[in-house]
């Protein structure tokens, strides 16, 4: 891993990732994102050029609501397939 400019280094980053995953576990479903944030789902599908609402909603959940990051996840999935 490269240079880390925070105290605690890699262990702190891993702890923050685990904290984030635990805080979202079971709290919100992709179907709720799809129905409640339909414009956000549409934006992620358009930016990612992969038109499946289920995958876009899952990407939004994984990114914590960051639509640009979610679009990146969708593009990465599309290119891997």
PDB file of N, CA and C in Angstrom:
ATOM      1  N   UNK A   1       0.843  -1.171   0.000  1.00  0.00           N
ATOM      2  CA  UNK A   1       0.000   0.000   0.000  1.00  0.00           C
ATOM      3  C   UNK A   1       0.889   1.234   0.000  1.00  0.00           C
ATOM      4  N   UNK A   2       0.436   2.279  -0.615  1.00  0.00           N
ATOM      5  CA  UNK A   2       1.208   3.516  -0.733  1.00  0.00           C
ATOM      6  C   UNK A   2       1.218   4.333   0.538  1.00  0.00           C
ATOM      7  N   UNK A   3       1.636   5.546   0.419  1.00  0.00           N
ATOM      8  CA  UNK A   3       1.733   6.473   1.543  1.00  0.00           C
ATOM      9  C   UNK A   3       0.359   6.774   2.116  1.00  0.00           C
ATOM     10  N   UNK A   4       0.252   6.716   3.425  1.00  0.00           N
ATOM     11  CA  UNK A   4      -0.995   7.008   4.104  1.00  0.00           C
ATOM     12  C   UNK A   4      -0.761   8.186   5.042  1.00  0.00           C
ATOM     13  N   UNK A   5      -1.507   9.261   4.868  1.00  0.00           N
ATOM     14  CA  UNK A   5      -1.266  10.498   5.603  1.00  0.00           C
ATOM     15  C   UNK A   5      -2.150  10.650   6.832  1.00  0.00           C
ATOM     16  N   UNK A   6      -2.565   9.555   7.428  1.00  0.00           N
ATOM     17  CA  UNK A   6      -3.363   9.643   8.642  1.00  0.00           C
ATOM     18  C   UNK A   6      -2.710   8.824   9.731  1.00  0.00           C
ATOM     19  N   UNK A   7      -2.992   9.185  10.959  1.00  0.00           N
ATOM     20  CA  UNK A   7      -2.421   8.462  12.084  1.00  0.00           C
ATOM     21  C   UNK A   7      -3.108   7.105  12.191  1.00  0.00           C
ATOM     22  N   UNK A   8      -2.334   6.073  12.320  1.00  0.00           N
ATOM     23  CA  UNK A   8      -2.891   4.732  12.407  1.00  0.00           C
ATOM     24  C   UNK A   8      -2.675   3.939  11.139  1.00  0.00           C
ATOM     25  N   UNK A   9      -2.474   4.638  10.040  1.00  0.00           N
ATOM     26  CA  UNK A   9      -2.129   3.998   8.778  1.00  0.00           C
ATOM     27  C   UNK A   9      -3.164   3.029   8.259  1.00  0.00           C
ATOM     28  N   UNK A  10      -2.671   1.911   7.763  1.00  0.00           N
ATOM     29  CA  UNK A  10      -3.520   0.929   7.097  1.00  0.00           C
ATOM     30  C   UNK A  10      -4.551   0.331   8.050  1.00  0.00           C
ATOM     31  N   UNK A  11      -4.187   0.143   9.304  1.00  0.00           N
ATOM     32  CA  UNK A  11      -5.125  -0.419  10.280  1.00  0.00           C
ATOM     33  C   UNK A  11      -6.333   0.503  10.466  1.00  0.00           C
ATOM     34  N   UNK A  12      -6.107   1.808  10.487  1.00  0.00           N
ATOM     35  CA  UNK A  12      -7.205   2.763  10.627  1.00  0.00           C
ATOM     36  C   UNK A  12      -8.130   2.721   9.411  1.00  0.00           C
ATOM     37  N   UNK A  13      -7.549   2.576   8.223  1.00  0.00           N
ATOM     38  CA  UNK A  13      -8.360   2.496   7.009  1.00  0.00           C
ATOM     39  C   UNK A  13      -9.220   1.237   7.031  1.00  0.00           C
ATOM     40  N   UNK A  14      -8.626   0.106   7.394  1.00  0.00           N
ATOM     41  CA  UNK A  14      -9.382  -1.147   7.456  1.00  0.00           C
ATOM     42  C   UNK A  14     -10.482  -1.076   8.516  1.00  0.00           C
ATOM     43  N   UNK A  15     -10.202  -0.465   9.645  1.00  0.00           N
ATOM     44  CA  UNK A  15     -11.225  -0.306  10.684  1.00  0.00           C
ATOM     45  C   UNK A  15     -12.374   0.569  10.192  1.00  0.00           C
ATOM     46  N   UNK A  16     -12.064   1.625   9.441  1.00  0.00           N
ATOM     47  CA  UNK A  16     -13.133   2.494   8.938  1.00  0.00           C
ATOM     48  C   UNK A  16     -13.987   1.770   7.905  1.00  0.00           C
ATOM     49  N   UNK A  17     -13.365   0.943   7.080  1.00  0.00           N
ATOM     50  CA  UNK A  17     -14.133   0.165   6.099  1.00  0.00           C
ATOM     51  C   UNK A  17     -15.049  -0.823   6.804  1.00  0.00           C
ATOM     52  N   UNK A  18     -14.535  -1.507   7.812  1.00  0.00           N
ATOM     53  CA  UNK A  18     -15.363  -2.454   8.562  1.00  0.00           C
ATOM     54  C   UNK A  18     -16.492  -1.745   9.299  1.00  0.00           C
ATOM     55  N   UNK A  19     -16.214  -0.576   9.865  1.00  0.00           N
ATOM     56  CA  UNK A  19     -17.251   0.201  10.543  1.00  0.00           C
ATOM     57  C   UNK A  19     -18.354   0.583   9.567  1.00  0.00           C
ATOM     58  N   UNK A  20     -17.972   1.012   8.363  1.00  0.00           N
ATOM     59  CA  UNK A  20     -18.945   1.416   7.359  1.00  0.00           C
ATOM     60  C   UNK A  20     -19.809   0.234   6.939  1.00  0.00           C
ATOM     61  N   UNK A  21     -19.181  -0.916   6.699  1.00  0.00           N
ATOM     62  CA  UNK A  21     -19.946  -2.099   6.297  1.00  0.00           C
ATOM     63  C   UNK A  21     -20.911  -2.529   7.390  1.00  0.00           C
ATOM     64  N   UNK A  22     -20.462  -2.494   8.644  1.00  0.00           N
ATOM     65  CA  UNK A  22     -21.331  -2.881   9.753  1.00  0.00           C
ATOM     66  C   UNK A  22     -22.481  -1.908   9.942  1.00  0.00           C
ATOM     67  N   UNK A  23     -22.253  -0.626   9.701  1.00  0.00           N
ATOM     68  CA  UNK A  23     -23.312   0.360   9.904  1.00  0.00           C
ATOM     69  C   UNK A  23     -24.401   0.264   8.839  1.00  0.00           C
ATOM     70  N   UNK A  24     -24.076  -0.228   7.650  1.00  0.00           N
ATOM     71  CA  UNK A  24     -25.084  -0.365   6.594  1.00  0.00           C
ATOM     72  C   UNK A  24     -25.728  -1.741   6.541  1.00  0.00           C
ATOM     73  N   UNK A  25     -25.170  -2.691   7.243  1.00  0.00           N
ATOM     74  CA  UNK A  25     -25.638  -4.073   7.137  1.00  0.00           C
ATOM     75  C   UNK A  25     -27.109  -4.187   7.543  1.00  0.00           C
ATOM     76  N   UNK A  26     -27.939  -4.568   6.604  1.00  0.00           N
ATOM     77  CA  UNK A  26     -29.335  -4.826   6.879  1.00  0.00           C
ATOM     78  C   UNK A  26     -30.202  -3.593   7.098  1.00  0.00           C
ATOM     79  N   UNK A  27     -29.675  -2.413   6.941  1.00  0.00           N
ATOM     80  CA  UNK A  27     -30.466  -1.215   7.218  1.00  0.00           C
ATOM     81  C   UNK A  27     -31.261  -0.730   6.019  1.00  0.00           C
ATOM     82  N   UNK A  28     -30.707  -0.863   4.846  1.00  0.00           N
ATOM     83  CA  UNK A  28     -31.403  -0.372   3.654  1.00  0.00           C
ATOM     84  C   UNK A  28     -31.256  -1.409   2.551  1.00  0.00           C
ATOM     85  N   UNK A  29     -32.308  -1.582   1.799  1.00  0.00           N
ATOM     86  CA  UNK A  29     -32.310  -2.585   0.733  1.00  0.00           C
ATOM     87  C   UNK A  29     -32.208  -1.891  -0.617  1.00  0.00           C
ATOM     88  N   UNK A  30     -31.707  -2.630  -1.591  1.00  0.00           N
ATOM     89  CA  UNK A  30     -31.568  -2.069  -2.932  1.00  0.00           C
ATOM     90  C   UNK A  30     -32.918  -1.667  -3.511  1.00  0.00           C
ATOM     91  N   UNK A  31     -33.973  -2.422  -3.168  1.00  0.00           N
ATOM     92  CA  UNK A  31     -35.309  -2.079  -3.688  1.00  0.00           C
ATOM     93  C   UNK A  31     -35.786  -0.736  -3.140  1.00  0.00           C
ATOM     94  N   UNK A  32     -35.399  -0.403  -1.899  1.00  0.00           N
ATOM     95  CA  UNK A  32     -35.763   0.900  -1.332  1.00  0.00           C
ATOM     96  C   UNK A  32     -35.003   2.025  -2.023  1.00  0.00           C
ATOM     97  N   UNK A  33     -33.757   1.771  -2.379  1.00  0.00           N
ATOM     98  CA  UNK A  33     -32.972   2.772  -3.101  1.00  0.00           C
ATOM     99  C   UNK A  33     -33.574   2.994  -4.478  1.00  0.00           C
ATOM    100  N   UNK A  34     -33.932   1.888  -5.139  1.00  0.00           N
ATOM    101  CA  UNK A  34     -34.499   1.973  -6.485  1.00  0.00           C
ATOM    102  C   UNK A  34     -35.806   2.765  -6.495  1.00  0.00           C
ATOM    103  N   UNK A  35     -36.653   2.533  -5.512  1.00  0.00           N
ATOM    104  CA  UNK A  35     -37.940   3.227  -5.511  1.00  0.00           C
ATOM    105  C   UNK A  35     -37.838   4.641  -4.932  1.00  0.00           C
ATOM    106  N   UNK A  36     -36.972   4.852  -3.972  1.00  0.00           N
ATOM    107  CA  UNK A  36     -36.889   6.151  -3.314  1.00  0.00           C
ATOM    108  C   UNK A  36     -35.959   7.138  -3.977  1.00  0.00           C
ATOM    109  N   UNK A  37     -34.948   6.640  -4.653  1.00  0.00           N
ATOM    110  CA  UNK A  37     -33.952   7.512  -5.291  1.00  0.00           C
ATOM    111  C   UNK A  37     -33.876   7.207  -6.787  1.00  0.00           C
ATOM    112  N   UNK A  38     -35.005   7.263  -7.440  1.00  0.00           N
ATOM    113  CA  UNK A  38     -35.061   6.845  -8.840  1.00  0.00           C
ATOM    114  C   UNK A  38     -34.200   7.712  -9.755  1.00  0.00           C
ATOM    115  N   UNK A  39     -34.123   9.017  -9.475  1.00  0.00           N
ATOM    116  CA  UNK A  39     -33.278   9.873 -10.315  1.00  0.00           C
ATOM    117  C   UNK A  39     -31.801   9.570 -10.110  1.00  0.00           C
ATOM    118  N   UNK A  40     -31.416   9.245  -8.884  1.00  0.00           N
ATOM    119  CA  UNK A  40     -30.024   8.873  -8.604  1.00  0.00           C
ATOM    120  C   UNK A  40     -29.679   7.566  -9.303  1.00  0.00           C
ATOM    121  N   UNK A  41     -30.594   6.613  -9.270  1.00  0.00           N
ATOM    122  CA  UNK A  41     -30.382   5.336  -9.954  1.00  0.00           C
ATOM    123  C   UNK A  41     -30.247   5.570 -11.452  1.00  0.00           C
ATOM    124  N   UNK A  42     -31.104   6.421 -12.004  1.00  0.00           N
ATOM    125  CA  UNK A  42     -31.027   6.738 -13.431  1.00  0.00           C
ATOM    126  C   UNK A  42     -29.692   7.390 -13.792  1.00  0.00           C
ATOM    127  N   UNK A  43     -29.207   8.284 -12.933  1.00  0.00           N
ATOM    128  CA  UNK A  43     -27.935   8.951 -13.195  1.00  0.00           C
ATOM    129  C   UNK A  43     -26.783   7.958 -13.190  1.00  0.00           C
ATOM    130  N   UNK A  44     -26.785   7.041 -12.225  1.00  0.00           N
ATOM    131  CA  UNK A  44     -25.719   6.037 -12.156  1.00  0.00           C
ATOM    132  C   UNK A  44     -25.773   5.114 -13.368  1.00  0.00           C
ATOM    133  N   UNK A  45     -26.972   4.728 -13.786  1.00  0.00           N
ATOM    134  CA  UNK A  45     -27.098   3.878 -14.972  1.00  0.00           C
ATOM    135  C   UNK A  45     -26.579   4.601 -16.202  1.00  0.00           C
ATOM    136  N   UNK A  46     -26.913   5.878 -16.342  1.00  0.00           N
ATOM    137  CA  UNK A  46     -26.460   6.650 -17.498  1.00  0.00           C
ATOM    138  C   UNK A  46     -24.956   6.856 -17.505  1.00  0.00           C
ATOM    139  N   UNK A  47     -24.395   7.238 -16.346  1.00  0.00           N
ATOM    140  CA  UNK A  47     -22.949   7.465 -16.265  1.00  0.00           C
ATOM    141  C   UNK A  47     -22.169   6.170 -16.428  1.00  0.00           C
ATOM    142  N   UNK A  48     -22.733   5.084 -15.917  1.00  0.00           N
ATOM    143  CA  UNK A  48     -22.040   3.802 -15.993  1.00  0.00           C
ATOM    144  C   UNK A  48     -22.277   3.054 -17.285  1.00  0.00           C
ATOM    145  N   UNK A  49     -23.234   3.517 -18.070  1.00  0.00           N
ATOM    146  CA  UNK A  49     -23.585   2.911 -19.362  1.00  0.00           C
ATOM    147  C   UNK A  49     -23.939   1.435 -19.221  1.00  0.00           C
ATOM    148  N   UNK A  50     -24.620   1.115 -18.135  1.00  0.00           N
ATOM    149  CA  UNK A  50     -25.133  -0.235 -17.919  1.00  0.00           C
ATOM    150  C   UNK A  50     -26.521  -0.064 -17.310  1.00  0.00           C
ATOM    151  N   UNK A  51     -27.534  -0.434 -18.049  1.00  0.00           N
ATOM    152  CA  UNK A  51     -28.897  -0.053 -17.708  1.00  0.00           C
ATOM    153  C   UNK A  51     -29.627  -1.173 -16.985  1.00  0.00           C
ATOM    154  N   UNK A  52     -29.264  -1.366 -15.723  1.00  0.00           N
ATOM    155  CA  UNK A  52     -29.970  -2.279 -14.844  1.00  0.00           C
ATOM    156  C   UNK A  52     -30.132  -1.594 -13.488  1.00  0.00           C
ATOM    157  N   UNK A  53     -31.378  -1.407 -13.095  1.00  0.00           N
ATOM    158  CA  UNK A  53     -31.672  -0.663 -11.876  1.00  0.00           C
ATOM    159  C   UNK A  53     -31.155  -1.375 -10.633  1.00  0.00           C
ATOM    160  N   UNK A  54     -31.240  -2.691 -10.641  1.00  0.00           N
ATOM    161  CA  UNK A  54     -30.800  -3.457  -9.471  1.00  0.00           C
ATOM    162  C   UNK A  54     -29.307  -3.256  -9.216  1.00  0.00           C
ATOM    163  N   UNK A  55     -28.515  -3.294 -10.269  1.00  0.00           N
ATOM    164  CA  UNK A  55     -27.066  -3.113 -10.128  1.00  0.00           C
ATOM    165  C   UNK A  55     -26.718  -1.679  -9.755  1.00  0.00           C
ATOM    166  N   UNK A  56     -27.430  -0.720 -10.302  1.00  0.00           N
ATOM    167  CA  UNK A  56     -27.180   0.687  -9.964  1.00  0.00           C
ATOM    168  C   UNK A  56     -27.520   0.950  -8.496  1.00  0.00           C
ATOM    169  N   UNK A  57     -28.613   0.380  -8.013  1.00  0.00           N
ATOM    170  CA  UNK A  57     -28.991   0.554  -6.613  1.00  0.00           C
ATOM    171  C   UNK A  57     -27.959  -0.094  -5.693  1.00  0.00           C
ATOM    172  N   UNK A  58     -27.459  -1.247  -6.084  1.00  0.00           N
ATOM    173  CA  UNK A  58     -26.431  -1.913  -5.280  1.00  0.00           C
ATOM    174  C   UNK A  58     -25.143  -1.085  -5.258  1.00  0.00           C
ATOM    175  N   UNK A  59     -24.796  -0.480  -6.372  1.00  0.00           N
ATOM    176  CA  UNK A  59     -23.600   0.359  -6.437  1.00  0.00           C
ATOM    177  C   UNK A  59     -23.751   1.598  -5.556  1.00  0.00           C
ATOM    178  N   UNK A  60     -24.948   2.186  -5.532  1.00  0.00           N
ATOM    179  CA  UNK A  60     -25.193   3.352  -4.676  1.00  0.00           C
ATOM    180  C   UNK A  60     -25.045   2.955  -3.219  1.00  0.00           C
ATOM    181  N   UNK A  61     -25.560   1.793  -2.866  1.00  0.00           N
ATOM    182  CA  UNK A  61     -25.426   1.325  -1.486  1.00  0.00           C
ATOM    183  C   UNK A  61     -23.960   1.080  -1.133  1.00  0.00           C
ATOM    184  N   UNK A  62     -23.222   0.460  -2.044  1.00  0.00           N
ATOM    185  CA  UNK A  62     -21.807   0.175  -1.787  1.00  0.00           C
ATOM    186  C   UNK A  62     -20.989   1.451  -1.651  1.00  0.00           C
ATOM    187  N   UNK A  63     -21.359   2.476  -2.395  1.00  0.00           N
ATOM    188  CA  UNK A  63     -20.584   3.717  -2.368  1.00  0.00           C
ATOM    189  C   UNK A  63     -21.041   4.674  -1.278  1.00  0.00           C
ATOM    190  N   UNK A  64     -22.059   4.306  -0.550  1.00  0.00           N
ATOM    191  CA  UNK A  64     -22.548   5.172   0.517  1.00  0.00           C
ATOM    192  C   UNK A  64     -23.261   6.405   0.019  1.00  0.00           C
ATOM    193  N   UNK A  65     -23.808   6.341  -1.178  1.00  0.00           N
ATOM    194  CA  UNK A  65     -24.547   7.471  -1.731  1.00  0.00           C
ATOM    195  C   UNK A  65     -23.746   8.364  -2.650  1.00  0.00           C
ATOM    196  N   UNK A  66     -22.477   8.094  -2.821  1.00  0.00           N
ATOM    197  CA  UNK A  66     -21.637   8.884  -3.729  1.00  0.00           C
ATOM    198  C   UNK A  66     -21.913   8.417  -5.158  1.00  0.00           C
ATOM    199  N   UNK A  67     -22.607   9.242  -5.927  1.00  0.00           N
ATOM    200  CA  UNK A  67     -23.061   8.810  -7.247  1.00  0.00           C
ATOM    201  C   UNK A  67     -21.919   8.641  -8.243  1.00  0.00           C
ATOM    202  N   UNK A  68     -20.898   9.473  -8.147  1.00  0.00           N
ATOM    203  CA  UNK A  68     -19.762   9.313  -9.058  1.00  0.00           C
ATOM    204  C   UNK A  68     -19.013   8.013  -8.783  1.00  0.00           C
ATOM    205  N   UNK A  69     -18.854   7.700  -7.518  1.00  0.00           N
ATOM    206  CA  UNK A  69     -18.206   6.451  -7.162  1.00  0.00           C
ATOM    207  C   UNK A  69     -19.078   5.262  -7.569  1.00  0.00           C
ATOM    208  N   UNK A  70     -20.382   5.387  -7.404  1.00  0.00           N
ATOM    209  CA  UNK A  70     -21.299   4.329  -7.817  1.00  0.00           C
ATOM    210  C   UNK A  70     -21.230   4.100  -9.328  1.00  0.00           C
ATOM    211  N   UNK A  71     -21.150   5.178 -10.098  1.00  0.00           N
ATOM    212  CA  UNK A  71     -21.019   5.048 -11.552  1.00  0.00           C
ATOM    213  C   UNK A  71     -19.705   4.363 -11.906  1.00  0.00           C
ATOM    214  N   UNK A  72     -18.650   4.663 -11.152  1.00  0.00           N
ATOM    215  CA  UNK A  72     -17.369   3.997 -11.371  1.00  0.00           C
ATOM    216  C   UNK A  72     -17.501   2.498 -11.128  1.00  0.00           C
ATOM    217  N   UNK A  73     -18.213   2.103 -10.056  1.00  0.00           N
ATOM    218  CA  UNK A  73     -18.431   0.682  -9.776  1.00  0.00           C
ATOM    219  C   UNK A  73     -19.183   0.010 -10.925  1.00  0.00           C
ATOM    220  N   UNK A  74     -20.198   0.696 -11.449  1.00  0.00           N
ATOM    221  CA  UNK A  74     -20.979   0.126 -12.541  1.00  0.00           C
ATOM    222  C   UNK A  74     -20.134  -0.022 -13.807  1.00  0.00           C
ATOM    223  N   UNK A  75     -19.325   1.005 -14.117  1.00  0.00           N
ATOM    224  CA  UNK A  75     -18.433   0.912 -15.285  1.00  0.00           C
ATOM    225  C   UNK A  75     -17.414  -0.205 -15.117  1.00  0.00           C
ATOM    226  N   UNK A  76     -16.891  -0.351 -13.915  1.00  0.00           N
ATOM    227  CA  UNK A  76     -15.925  -1.422 -13.661  1.00  0.00           C
ATOM    228  C   UNK A  76     -16.577  -2.786 -13.836  1.00  0.00           C
ATOM    229  N   UNK A  77     -17.799  -2.922 -13.368  1.00  0.00           N
ATOM    230  CA  UNK A  77     -18.527  -4.185 -13.543  1.00  0.00           C
ATOM    231  C   UNK A  77     -18.772  -4.456 -15.033  1.00  0.00           C
ATOM    232  N   UNK A  78     -19.190  -3.415 -15.737  1.00  0.00           N
ATOM    233  CA  UNK A  78     -19.472  -3.576 -17.172  1.00  0.00           C
ATOM    234  C   UNK A  78     -18.231  -4.001 -17.933  1.00  0.00           C
ATOM    235  N   UNK A  79     -17.090  -3.388 -17.619  1.00  0.00           N
ATOM    236  CA  UNK A  79     -15.872  -3.726 -18.341  1.00  0.00           C
ATOM    237  C   UNK A  79     -15.353  -5.099 -17.954  1.00  0.00           C
ATOM    238  N   UNK A  80     -15.641  -5.543 -16.722  1.00  0.00           N
ATOM    239  CA  UNK A  80     -15.195  -6.872 -16.297  1.00  0.00           C
ATOM    240  C   UNK A  80     -16.033  -7.970 -16.938  1.00  0.00           C
ATOM    241  N   UNK A  81     -17.283  -7.633 -17.259  1.00  0.00           N
ATOM    242  CA  UNK A  81     -18.144  -8.624 -17.892  1.00  0.00           C
ATOM    243  C   UNK A  81     -17.836  -8.668 -19.361  1.00  0.00           C
TER     244      UNK A  81
END
